[in-house]
Protein backbone atom coordinates (compact mmCIF):
# COMPACT_ATOMS: atom_id res chain seq x y z
CA MET A 1 76.52 53.68 -2.39
CA VAL A 2 74.59 56.92 -2.88
CA ASN A 3 76.41 60.14 -2.02
CA LYS A 4 74.09 61.80 0.53
CA ILE A 5 75.23 65.33 -0.30
CA VAL A 6 74.38 64.90 -3.98
CA LEU A 7 71.12 63.13 -3.14
CA GLU A 8 69.88 65.92 -0.85
CA TYR A 9 71.06 68.63 -3.23
CA LEU A 10 69.03 67.07 -6.05
CA ARG A 11 66.05 66.40 -3.78
CA VAL A 12 65.89 70.02 -2.64
CA ASN A 13 66.61 71.74 -5.98
CA ARG A 14 65.13 69.35 -8.55
CA GLY A 15 61.77 71.18 -8.71
CA ASN A 16 63.30 74.66 -8.84
CA TYR A 17 66.09 74.34 -11.39
CA ASN A 18 66.83 72.64 -14.70
CA LEU A 19 68.36 69.17 -14.18
CA GLY A 20 71.17 69.97 -16.63
CA ALA A 21 72.19 73.05 -14.62
CA LEU A 22 72.10 71.05 -11.40
CA LYS A 23 74.30 68.36 -12.94
CA LYS A 24 76.84 70.97 -14.08
CA LYS A 25 76.93 72.48 -10.58
CA ILE A 26 77.43 69.07 -8.96
CA LEU A 27 80.15 68.06 -11.43
CA SER A 28 81.93 71.39 -10.96
CA SER A 29 82.01 70.82 -7.19
CA GLY A 30 84.02 67.62 -7.67
CA HIS A 31 81.43 64.87 -7.66
CA THR A 32 81.25 62.24 -10.40
CA GLN A 33 78.58 61.40 -12.95
CA LYS A 34 78.13 58.10 -11.10
CA ASP A 35 77.23 60.04 -7.93
CA ILE A 36 74.57 61.91 -9.89
CA ASP A 37 73.20 58.75 -11.55
CA ASP A 38 73.04 56.89 -8.22
CA ALA A 39 71.25 59.85 -6.60
CA LEU A 40 68.71 60.06 -9.44
CA VAL A 41 67.99 56.33 -9.20
CA GLN A 42 67.49 56.70 -5.44
CA LEU A 43 65.18 59.69 -5.94
CA ASP A 44 63.09 57.66 -8.40
CA LEU A 45 62.85 54.83 -5.88
CA ASP A 46 61.90 57.26 -3.11
CA SER A 47 59.22 58.88 -5.26
CA LYS A 48 57.57 55.50 -5.74
CA LYS A 49 57.41 55.02 -1.97
CA ASN A 50 55.56 57.15 0.55
CA VAL A 51 55.79 60.92 0.26
CA PRO A 52 57.59 62.21 3.39
CA SER A 53 56.05 64.85 5.61
CA VAL A 54 57.26 68.43 5.43
CA SER A 55 58.75 68.36 8.93
CA ALA A 56 60.65 65.14 8.19
CA THR A 57 62.09 66.68 5.02
CA ILE A 58 63.10 69.88 6.82
CA ASN A 59 64.79 67.88 9.58
CA LYS A 60 66.66 65.81 7.00
CA ILE A 61 67.81 68.94 5.15
CA ASN A 62 69.00 70.55 8.36
CA LYS A 63 70.96 67.44 9.29
CA THR A 64 72.62 67.10 5.88
CA ASN A 65 73.64 70.76 5.71
CA ILE A 66 75.95 70.18 8.66
CA VAL A 67 79.22 69.21 7.03
CA GLU A 68 81.65 67.31 9.21
CA GLU A 69 85.27 68.33 8.90
CA LYS A 70 87.15 65.18 7.91
CA PRO A 71 90.38 64.78 6.02
CA VAL A 72 89.52 64.15 2.40
CA ALA A 73 91.74 62.75 -0.34
CA ILE A 74 92.21 65.55 -2.84
CA ALA A 75 92.39 64.73 -6.54
CA GLY A 76 93.03 67.70 -8.80
CA ASN A 77 92.46 70.26 -6.01
CA VAL A 78 88.80 69.26 -5.63
CA GLN A 79 87.44 67.88 -2.39
CA LYS A 80 85.15 64.95 -3.11
CA ASN A 81 82.89 65.30 -0.05
CA SER A 82 82.66 69.07 0.00
CA ALA A 83 79.21 70.64 0.26
CA ILE A 84 77.62 71.96 -2.92
CA ASN A 85 76.82 75.66 -2.94
CA MET A 86 73.18 76.05 -3.90
CA PRO A 87 72.36 78.59 -6.57
CA VAL A 88 70.46 81.62 -5.29
CA PRO A 89 67.32 82.56 -7.23
CA LYS A 90 67.40 86.10 -8.61
CA LYS A 91 64.91 88.51 -7.09
CA SER A 92 62.65 90.22 -9.57
CA LYS A 93 61.95 93.96 -9.35
CA LYS A 94 59.15 93.77 -11.91
CA TRP A 95 56.35 94.37 -9.37
CA LEU A 96 58.15 97.34 -7.87
CA TRP A 97 58.31 99.04 -11.27
CA ILE A 98 54.65 98.26 -12.00
CA ILE A 99 53.60 99.84 -8.68
CA ILE A 100 55.76 102.92 -9.32
CA ILE A 101 54.32 103.44 -12.82
CA ILE A 102 50.71 103.01 -11.65
CA SER A 103 51.32 105.42 -8.75
CA LEU A 104 52.75 108.04 -11.12
CA LEU A 105 49.79 107.67 -13.49
CA VAL A 106 47.35 108.10 -10.60
CA LEU A 107 49.21 111.20 -9.36
CA ILE A 108 49.23 112.72 -12.85
CA GLY A 109 45.50 112.00 -13.20
CA VAL A 110 44.71 113.57 -9.82
CA GLY A 111 46.83 116.61 -10.64
CA PHE A 112 45.12 117.06 -13.98
CA SER A 113 41.68 116.69 -12.37
CA VAL A 114 42.46 119.27 -9.69
CA TRP A 115 43.79 121.69 -12.32
CA HIS A 116 40.86 121.16 -14.68
CA PHE A 117 37.95 121.32 -12.21
CA LEU A 118 39.22 123.60 -9.46
CA LEU A 119 41.71 125.99 -10.97
CA LYS A 120 40.16 126.56 -14.38
């Protein structure tokens, strides 16, 4: 049977992250390689069927992110049915620096123009 937590995790993050990194994250959270393989097979089957609507997908994600508190058999201090923490994409400050540099160049140009044409 397909582990729904692993299935939804892969469904949501498969397009945004490398599959190898996702597998490492799932394995480190205590799930097995079989859980990953079953989820990938299910995703392939789902992709061959109808494409779900955006609202249906959002509703499904919201429902699966609610983790029920149930006693879980612990093997090696890892809970099998625990939720997987999703990696957070890093925010880029590249555009901020580009805007700052262009603004400084414009200010320097305006200052030079004022000095050259008005004060000289």
